[in-house]
Amino acid sequence: MVRRIGTIKDLTKYVVFSIIVVIIYTIAEFVTSTITGISHDVLTGCVYGFFAGEIVLCGMIKIFKLKRE
């Protein structure tokens, strides 16, 4: 398992990190908004927009690198 983690490329690690951050944020926002009754629509949109953009750009980088080879 340790060897496998060491062989994962940096771009893949970043995509996984981005997905984990979005999942953790979603859970935290759900719990916070349930307890307080206040939703944070603008912050949620910014977090989702940023990380979705990062994931799309990483995907485009992977696609274009694969086509060049």
PDB file of N, CA and C in Angstrom:
ATOM      1  N   MET A   1       0.823  -1.189   0.000  1.00  0.00           N
ATOM      2  CA  MET A   1       0.000   0.000   0.000  1.00  0.00           C
ATOM      3  C   MET A   1       0.868   1.254   0.000  1.00  0.00           C
ATOM      4  N   VAL A   2       1.968   1.237   0.745  1.00  0.00           N
ATOM      5  CA  VAL A   2       2.849   2.402   0.805  1.00  0.00           C
ATOM      6  C   VAL A   2       3.484   2.660  -0.551  1.00  0.00           C
ATOM      7  N   ARG A   3       3.879   1.618  -1.238  1.00  0.00           N
ATOM      8  CA  ARG A   3       4.456   1.788  -2.571  1.00  0.00           C
ATOM      9  C   ARG A   3       3.447   2.401  -3.524  1.00  0.00           C
ATOM     10  N   ARG A   4       2.209   1.966  -3.398  1.00  0.00           N
ATOM     11  CA  ARG A   4       1.169   2.457  -4.293  1.00  0.00           C
ATOM     12  C   ARG A   4       0.916   3.947  -4.086  1.00  0.00           C
ATOM     13  N   ILE A   5       0.898   4.399  -2.844  1.00  0.00           N
ATOM     14  CA  ILE A   5       0.692   5.818  -2.559  1.00  0.00           C
ATOM     15  C   ILE A   5       1.862   6.635  -3.094  1.00  0.00           C
ATOM     16  N   GLY A   6       3.060   6.117  -3.005  1.00  0.00           N
ATOM     17  CA  GLY A   6       4.232   6.828  -3.497  1.00  0.00           C
ATOM     18  C   GLY A   6       4.260   6.967  -5.003  1.00  0.00           C
ATOM     19  N   THR A   7       3.577   6.082  -5.706  1.00  0.00           N
ATOM     20  CA  THR A   7       3.609   6.123  -7.162  1.00  0.00           C
ATOM     21  C   THR A   7       2.483   6.960  -7.756  1.00  0.00           C
ATOM     22  N   ILE A   8       1.552   7.452  -6.920  1.00  0.00           N
ATOM     23  CA  ILE A   8       0.461   8.290  -7.429  1.00  0.00           C
ATOM     24  C   ILE A   8       1.037   9.635  -7.845  1.00  0.00           C
ATOM     25  N   LYS A   9       0.638  10.114  -8.998  1.00  0.00           N
ATOM     26  CA  LYS A   9       1.163  11.376  -9.511  1.00  0.00           C
ATOM     27  C   LYS A   9       0.597  12.554  -8.726  1.00  0.00           C
ATOM     28  N   ASP A  10       1.320  13.671  -8.769  1.00  0.00           N
ATOM     29  CA  ASP A  10       0.952  14.851  -7.999  1.00  0.00           C
ATOM     30  C   ASP A  10      -0.405  15.408  -8.409  1.00  0.00           C
ATOM     31  N   LEU A  11      -0.699  15.403  -9.686  1.00  0.00           N
ATOM     32  CA  LEU A  11      -1.972  15.932 -10.166  1.00  0.00           C
ATOM     33  C   LEU A  11      -3.145  15.107  -9.640  1.00  0.00           C
ATOM     34  N   THR A  12      -2.972  13.808  -9.595  1.00  0.00           N
ATOM     35  CA  THR A  12      -4.007  12.926  -9.058  1.00  0.00           C
ATOM     36  C   THR A  12      -4.198  13.177  -7.569  1.00  0.00           C
ATOM     37  N   LYS A  13      -3.103  13.386  -6.853  1.00  0.00           N
ATOM     38  CA  LYS A  13      -3.192  13.693  -5.427  1.00  0.00           C
ATOM     39  C   LYS A  13      -3.969  14.989  -5.206  1.00  0.00           C
ATOM     40  N   TYR A  14      -3.738  15.983  -6.050  1.00  0.00           N
ATOM     41  CA  TYR A  14      -4.428  17.257  -5.902  1.00  0.00           C
ATOM     42  C   TYR A  14      -5.918  17.130  -6.191  1.00  0.00           C
ATOM     43  N   VAL A  15      -6.276  16.330  -7.187  1.00  0.00           N
ATOM     44  CA  VAL A  15      -7.688  16.116  -7.509  1.00  0.00           C
ATOM     45  C   VAL A  15      -8.379  15.407  -6.338  1.00  0.00           C
ATOM     46  N   VAL A  16      -7.738  14.405  -5.778  1.00  0.00           N
ATOM     47  CA  VAL A  16      -8.305  13.699  -4.631  1.00  0.00           C
ATOM     48  C   VAL A  16      -8.438  14.650  -3.444  1.00  0.00           C
ATOM     49  N   PHE A  17      -7.426  15.490  -3.211  1.00  0.00           N
ATOM     50  CA  PHE A  17      -7.480  16.474  -2.135  1.00  0.00           C
ATOM     51  C   PHE A  17      -8.657  17.428  -2.343  1.00  0.00           C
ATOM     52  N   SER A  18      -8.858  17.887  -3.562  1.00  0.00           N
ATOM     53  CA  SER A  18      -9.957  18.812  -3.855  1.00  0.00           C
ATOM     54  C   SER A  18     -11.312  18.172  -3.586  1.00  0.00           C
ATOM     55  N   ILE A  19     -11.472  16.937  -3.978  1.00  0.00           N
ATOM     56  CA  ILE A  19     -12.740  16.238  -3.752  1.00  0.00           C
ATOM     57  C   ILE A  19     -12.982  16.039  -2.260  1.00  0.00           C
ATOM     58  N   ILE A  20     -11.932  15.697  -1.515  1.00  0.00           N
ATOM     59  CA  ILE A  20     -12.071  15.517  -0.073  1.00  0.00           C
ATOM     60  C   ILE A  20     -12.445  16.826   0.603  1.00  0.00           C
ATOM     61  N   VAL A  21     -11.834  17.937   0.185  1.00  0.00           N
ATOM     62  CA  VAL A  21     -12.167  19.238   0.767  1.00  0.00           C
ATOM     63  C   VAL A  21     -13.632  19.580   0.518  1.00  0.00           C
ATOM     64  N   VAL A  22     -14.123  19.332  -0.683  1.00  0.00           N
ATOM     65  CA  VAL A  22     -15.518  19.624  -0.999  1.00  0.00           C
ATOM     66  C   VAL A  22     -16.459  18.762  -0.150  1.00  0.00           C
ATOM     67  N   ILE A  23     -16.131  17.501   0.034  1.00  0.00           N
ATOM     68  CA  ILE A  23     -16.972  16.613   0.847  1.00  0.00           C
ATOM     69  C   ILE A  23     -16.979  17.068   2.304  1.00  0.00           C
ATOM     70  N   ILE A  24     -15.805  17.397   2.843  1.00  0.00           N
ATOM     71  CA  ILE A  24     -15.721  17.860   4.231  1.00  0.00           C
ATOM     72  C   ILE A  24     -16.462  19.175   4.399  1.00  0.00           C
ATOM     73  N   TYR A  25     -16.315  20.090   3.451  1.00  0.00           N
ATOM     74  CA  TYR A  25     -17.029  21.363   3.530  1.00  0.00           C
ATOM     75  C   TYR A  25     -18.536  21.143   3.488  1.00  0.00           C
ATOM     76  N   THR A  26     -18.987  20.241   2.634  1.00  0.00           N
ATOM     77  CA  THR A  26     -20.417  19.972   2.519  1.00  0.00           C
ATOM     78  C   THR A  26     -20.979  19.449   3.835  1.00  0.00           C
ATOM     79  N   ILE A  27     -20.275  18.532   4.453  1.00  0.00           N
ATOM     80  CA  ILE A  27     -20.727  17.984   5.732  1.00  0.00           C
ATOM     81  C   ILE A  27     -20.729  19.068   6.807  1.00  0.00           C
ATOM     82  N   ALA A  28     -19.655  19.852   6.879  1.00  0.00           N
ATOM     83  CA  ALA A  28     -19.571  20.916   7.885  1.00  0.00           C
ATOM     84  C   ALA A  28     -20.662  21.965   7.674  1.00  0.00           C
ATOM     85  N   GLU A  29     -20.916  22.324   6.434  1.00  0.00           N
ATOM     86  CA  GLU A  29     -21.958  23.318   6.144  1.00  0.00           C
ATOM     87  C   GLU A  29     -23.344  22.777   6.480  1.00  0.00           C
ATOM     88  N   PHE A  30     -23.569  21.515   6.190  1.00  0.00           N
ATOM     89  CA  PHE A  30     -24.861  20.906   6.510  1.00  0.00           C
ATOM     90  C   PHE A  30     -25.100  20.912   8.017  1.00  0.00           C
ATOM     91  N   VAL A  31     -24.095  20.516   8.781  1.00  0.00           N
ATOM     92  CA  VAL A  31     -24.219  20.488  10.237  1.00  0.00           C
ATOM     93  C   VAL A  31     -24.399  21.900  10.782  1.00  0.00           C
ATOM     94  N   THR A  32     -23.583  22.841  10.303  1.00  0.00           N
ATOM     95  CA  THR A  32     -23.658  24.219  10.785  1.00  0.00           C
ATOM     96  C   THR A  32     -25.003  24.856  10.464  1.00  0.00           C
ATOM     97  N   SER A  33     -25.472  24.671   9.249  1.00  0.00           N
ATOM     98  CA  SER A  33     -26.747  25.289   8.875  1.00  0.00           C
ATOM     99  C   SER A  33     -27.921  24.626   9.579  1.00  0.00           C
ATOM    100  N   THR A  34     -27.798  23.350   9.906  1.00  0.00           N
ATOM    101  CA  THR A  34     -28.857  22.677  10.644  1.00  0.00           C
ATOM    102  C   THR A  34     -28.935  23.192  12.076  1.00  0.00           C
ATOM    103  N   ILE A  35     -27.783  23.382  12.695  1.00  0.00           N
ATOM    104  CA  ILE A  35     -27.757  23.844  14.086  1.00  0.00           C
ATOM    105  C   ILE A  35     -28.182  25.307  14.194  1.00  0.00           C
ATOM    106  N   THR A  36     -27.630  26.164  13.355  1.00  0.00           N
ATOM    107  CA  THR A  36     -27.883  27.599  13.482  1.00  0.00           C
ATOM    108  C   THR A  36     -29.085  28.078  12.675  1.00  0.00           C
ATOM    109  N   GLY A  37     -29.455  27.376  11.642  1.00  0.00           N
ATOM    110  CA  GLY A  37     -30.561  27.797  10.796  1.00  0.00           C
ATOM    111  C   GLY A  37     -30.171  28.835   9.763  1.00  0.00           C
ATOM    112  N   ILE A  38     -28.889  29.114   9.651  1.00  0.00           N
ATOM    113  CA  ILE A  38     -28.381  30.099   8.684  1.00  0.00           C
ATOM    114  C   ILE A  38     -27.620  29.350   7.589  1.00  0.00           C
ATOM    115  N   SER A  39     -27.961  29.622   6.334  1.00  0.00           N
ATOM    116  CA  SER A  39     -27.204  29.000   5.243  1.00  0.00           C
ATOM    117  C   SER A  39     -26.210  30.014   4.684  1.00  0.00           C
ATOM    118  N   HIS A  40     -25.104  29.528   4.237  1.00  0.00           N
ATOM    119  CA  HIS A  40     -24.036  30.372   3.711  1.00  0.00           C
ATOM    120  C   HIS A  40     -23.943  30.152   2.201  1.00  0.00           C
ATOM    121  N   ASP A  41     -24.900  30.712   1.474  1.00  0.00           N
ATOM    122  CA  ASP A  41     -25.012  30.462   0.042  1.00  0.00           C
ATOM    123  C   ASP A  41     -23.828  30.991  -0.747  1.00  0.00           C
ATOM    124  N   VAL A  42     -23.374  32.191  -0.427  1.00  0.00           N
ATOM    125  CA  VAL A  42     -22.284  32.795  -1.190  1.00  0.00           C
ATOM    126  C   VAL A  42     -20.979  32.044  -0.947  1.00  0.00           C
ATOM    127  N   LEU A  43     -20.696  31.724   0.309  1.00  0.00           N
ATOM    128  CA  LEU A  43     -19.479  30.986   0.627  1.00  0.00           C
ATOM    129  C   LEU A  43     -19.490  29.603  -0.016  1.00  0.00           C
ATOM    130  N   THR A  44     -20.629  28.945   0.032  1.00  0.00           N
ATOM    131  CA  THR A  44     -20.751  27.623  -0.575  1.00  0.00           C
ATOM    132  C   THR A  44     -20.527  27.692  -2.083  1.00  0.00           C
ATOM    133  N   GLY A  45     -21.107  28.679  -2.718  1.00  0.00           N
ATOM    134  CA  GLY A  45     -20.897  28.855  -4.160  1.00  0.00           C
ATOM    135  C   GLY A  45     -19.448  29.107  -4.503  1.00  0.00           C
ATOM    136  N   CYS A  46     -18.773  29.900  -3.673  1.00  0.00           N
ATOM    137  CA  CYS A  46     -17.349  30.184  -3.918  1.00  0.00           C
ATOM    138  C   CYS A  46     -16.488  28.939  -3.746  1.00  0.00           C
ATOM    139  N   VAL A  47     -16.737  28.170  -2.699  1.00  0.00           N
ATOM    140  CA  VAL A  47     -15.949  26.951  -2.459  1.00  0.00           C
ATOM    141  C   VAL A  47     -16.176  25.955  -3.589  1.00  0.00           C
ATOM    142  N   TYR A  48     -17.441  25.725  -3.936  1.00  0.00           N
ATOM    143  CA  TYR A  48     -17.731  24.781  -5.016  1.00  0.00           C
ATOM    144  C   TYR A  48     -17.170  25.268  -6.346  1.00  0.00           C
ATOM    145  N   GLY A  49     -17.311  26.546  -6.624  1.00  0.00           N
ATOM    146  CA  GLY A  49     -16.802  27.094  -7.880  1.00  0.00           C
ATOM    147  C   GLY A  49     -15.295  26.975  -7.991  1.00  0.00           C
ATOM    148  N   PHE A  50     -14.600  27.288  -6.908  1.00  0.00           N
ATOM    149  CA  PHE A  50     -13.134  27.220  -6.927  1.00  0.00           C
ATOM    150  C   PHE A  50     -12.651  25.795  -7.145  1.00  0.00           C
ATOM    151  N   PHE A  51     -13.143  24.874  -6.318  1.00  0.00           N
ATOM    152  CA  PHE A  51     -12.644  23.502  -6.423  1.00  0.00           C
ATOM    153  C   PHE A  51     -13.140  22.799  -7.673  1.00  0.00           C
ATOM    154  N   ALA A  52     -14.335  23.126  -8.154  1.00  0.00           N
ATOM    155  CA  ALA A  52     -14.797  22.541  -9.426  1.00  0.00           C
ATOM    156  C   ALA A  52     -13.929  23.043 -10.572  1.00  0.00           C
ATOM    157  N   GLY A  53     -13.581  24.322 -10.539  1.00  0.00           N
ATOM    158  CA  GLY A  53     -12.692  24.867 -11.559  1.00  0.00           C
ATOM    159  C   GLY A  53     -11.319  24.219 -11.527  1.00  0.00           C
ATOM    160  N   GLU A  54     -10.803  23.992 -10.323  1.00  0.00           N
ATOM    161  CA  GLU A  54      -9.498  23.339 -10.197  1.00  0.00           C
ATOM    162  C   GLU A  54      -9.541  21.916 -10.741  1.00  0.00           C
ATOM    163  N   ILE A  55     -10.597  21.195 -10.441  1.00  0.00           N
ATOM    164  CA  ILE A  55     -10.705  19.814 -10.917  1.00  0.00           C
ATOM    165  C   ILE A  55     -10.838  19.776 -12.432  1.00  0.00           C
ATOM    166  N   VAL A  56     -11.608  20.690 -13.003  1.00  0.00           N
ATOM    167  CA  VAL A  56     -11.752  20.750 -14.462  1.00  0.00           C
ATOM    168  C   VAL A  56     -10.415  21.082 -15.119  1.00  0.00           C
ATOM    169  N   LEU A  57      -9.697  22.044 -14.566  1.00  0.00           N
ATOM    170  CA  LEU A  57      -8.395  22.397 -15.139  1.00  0.00           C
ATOM    171  C   LEU A  57      -7.398  21.245 -15.029  1.00  0.00           C
ATOM    172  N   CYS A  58      -7.400  20.542 -13.912  1.00  0.00           N
ATOM    173  CA  CYS A  58      -6.513  19.388 -13.777  1.00  0.00           C
ATOM    174  C   CYS A  58      -6.884  18.305 -14.791  1.00  0.00           C
ATOM    175  N   GLY A  59      -8.176  18.120 -15.001  1.00  0.00           N
ATOM    176  CA  GLY A  59      -8.609  17.154 -16.008  1.00  0.00           C
ATOM    177  C   GLY A  59      -8.178  17.553 -17.398  1.00  0.00           C
ATOM    178  N   MET A  60      -8.260  18.841 -17.702  1.00  0.00           N
ATOM    179  CA  MET A  60      -7.823  19.309 -19.024  1.00  0.00           C
ATOM    180  C   MET A  60      -6.323  19.120 -19.200  1.00  0.00           C
ATOM    181  N   ILE A  61      -5.555  19.361 -18.151  1.00  0.00           N
ATOM    182  CA  ILE A  61      -4.109  19.153 -18.225  1.00  0.00           C
ATOM    183  C   ILE A  61      -3.814  17.690 -18.515  1.00  0.00           C
ATOM    184  N   LYS A  62      -4.504  16.794 -17.817  1.00  0.00           N
ATOM    185  CA  LYS A  62      -4.285  15.364 -18.052  1.00  0.00           C
ATOM    186  C   LYS A  62      -4.662  14.971 -19.475  1.00  0.00           C
ATOM    187  N   ILE A  63      -5.775  15.487 -19.976  1.00  0.00           N
ATOM    188  CA  ILE A  63      -6.220  15.141 -21.330  1.00  0.00           C
ATOM    189  C   ILE A  63      -5.203  15.610 -22.363  1.00  0.00           C
ATOM    190  N   PHE A  64      -4.754  16.848 -22.256  1.00  0.00           N
ATOM    191  CA  PHE A  64      -3.819  17.352 -23.247  1.00  0.00           C
ATOM    192  C   PHE A  64      -2.442  16.718 -23.148  1.00  0.00           C
ATOM    193  N   LYS A  65      -2.013  16.299 -21.968  1.00  0.00           N
ATOM    194  CA  LYS A  65      -0.752  15.578 -21.853  1.00  0.00           C
ATOM    195  C   LYS A  65      -0.867  14.206 -22.493  1.00  0.00           C
ATOM    196  N   LEU A  66      -2.019  13.568 -22.336  1.00  0.00           N
ATOM    197  CA  LEU A  66      -2.196  12.253 -22.941  1.00  0.00           C
ATOM    198  C   LEU A  66      -2.223  12.335 -24.457  1.00  0.00           C
ATOM    199  N   LYS A  67      -2.776  13.414 -25.011  1.00  0.00           N
ATOM    200  CA  LYS A  67      -2.838  13.547 -26.465  1.00  0.00           C
ATOM    201  C   LYS A  67      -1.467  13.857 -27.061  1.00  0.00           C
ATOM    202  N   ARG A  68      -0.612  14.533 -26.318  1.00  0.00           N
ATOM    203  CA  ARG A  68       0.723  14.865 -26.839  1.00  0.00           C
ATOM    204  C   ARG A  68       1.619  13.645 -26.918  1.00  0.00           C
ATOM    205  N   GLU A  69       1.408  12.675 -26.030  1.00  0.00           N
ATOM    206  CA  GLU A  69       2.304  11.511 -26.000  1.00  0.00           C
ATOM    207  C   GLU A  69       1.999  10.504 -27.039  1.00  0.00           C
TER     208      GLU A  69
END
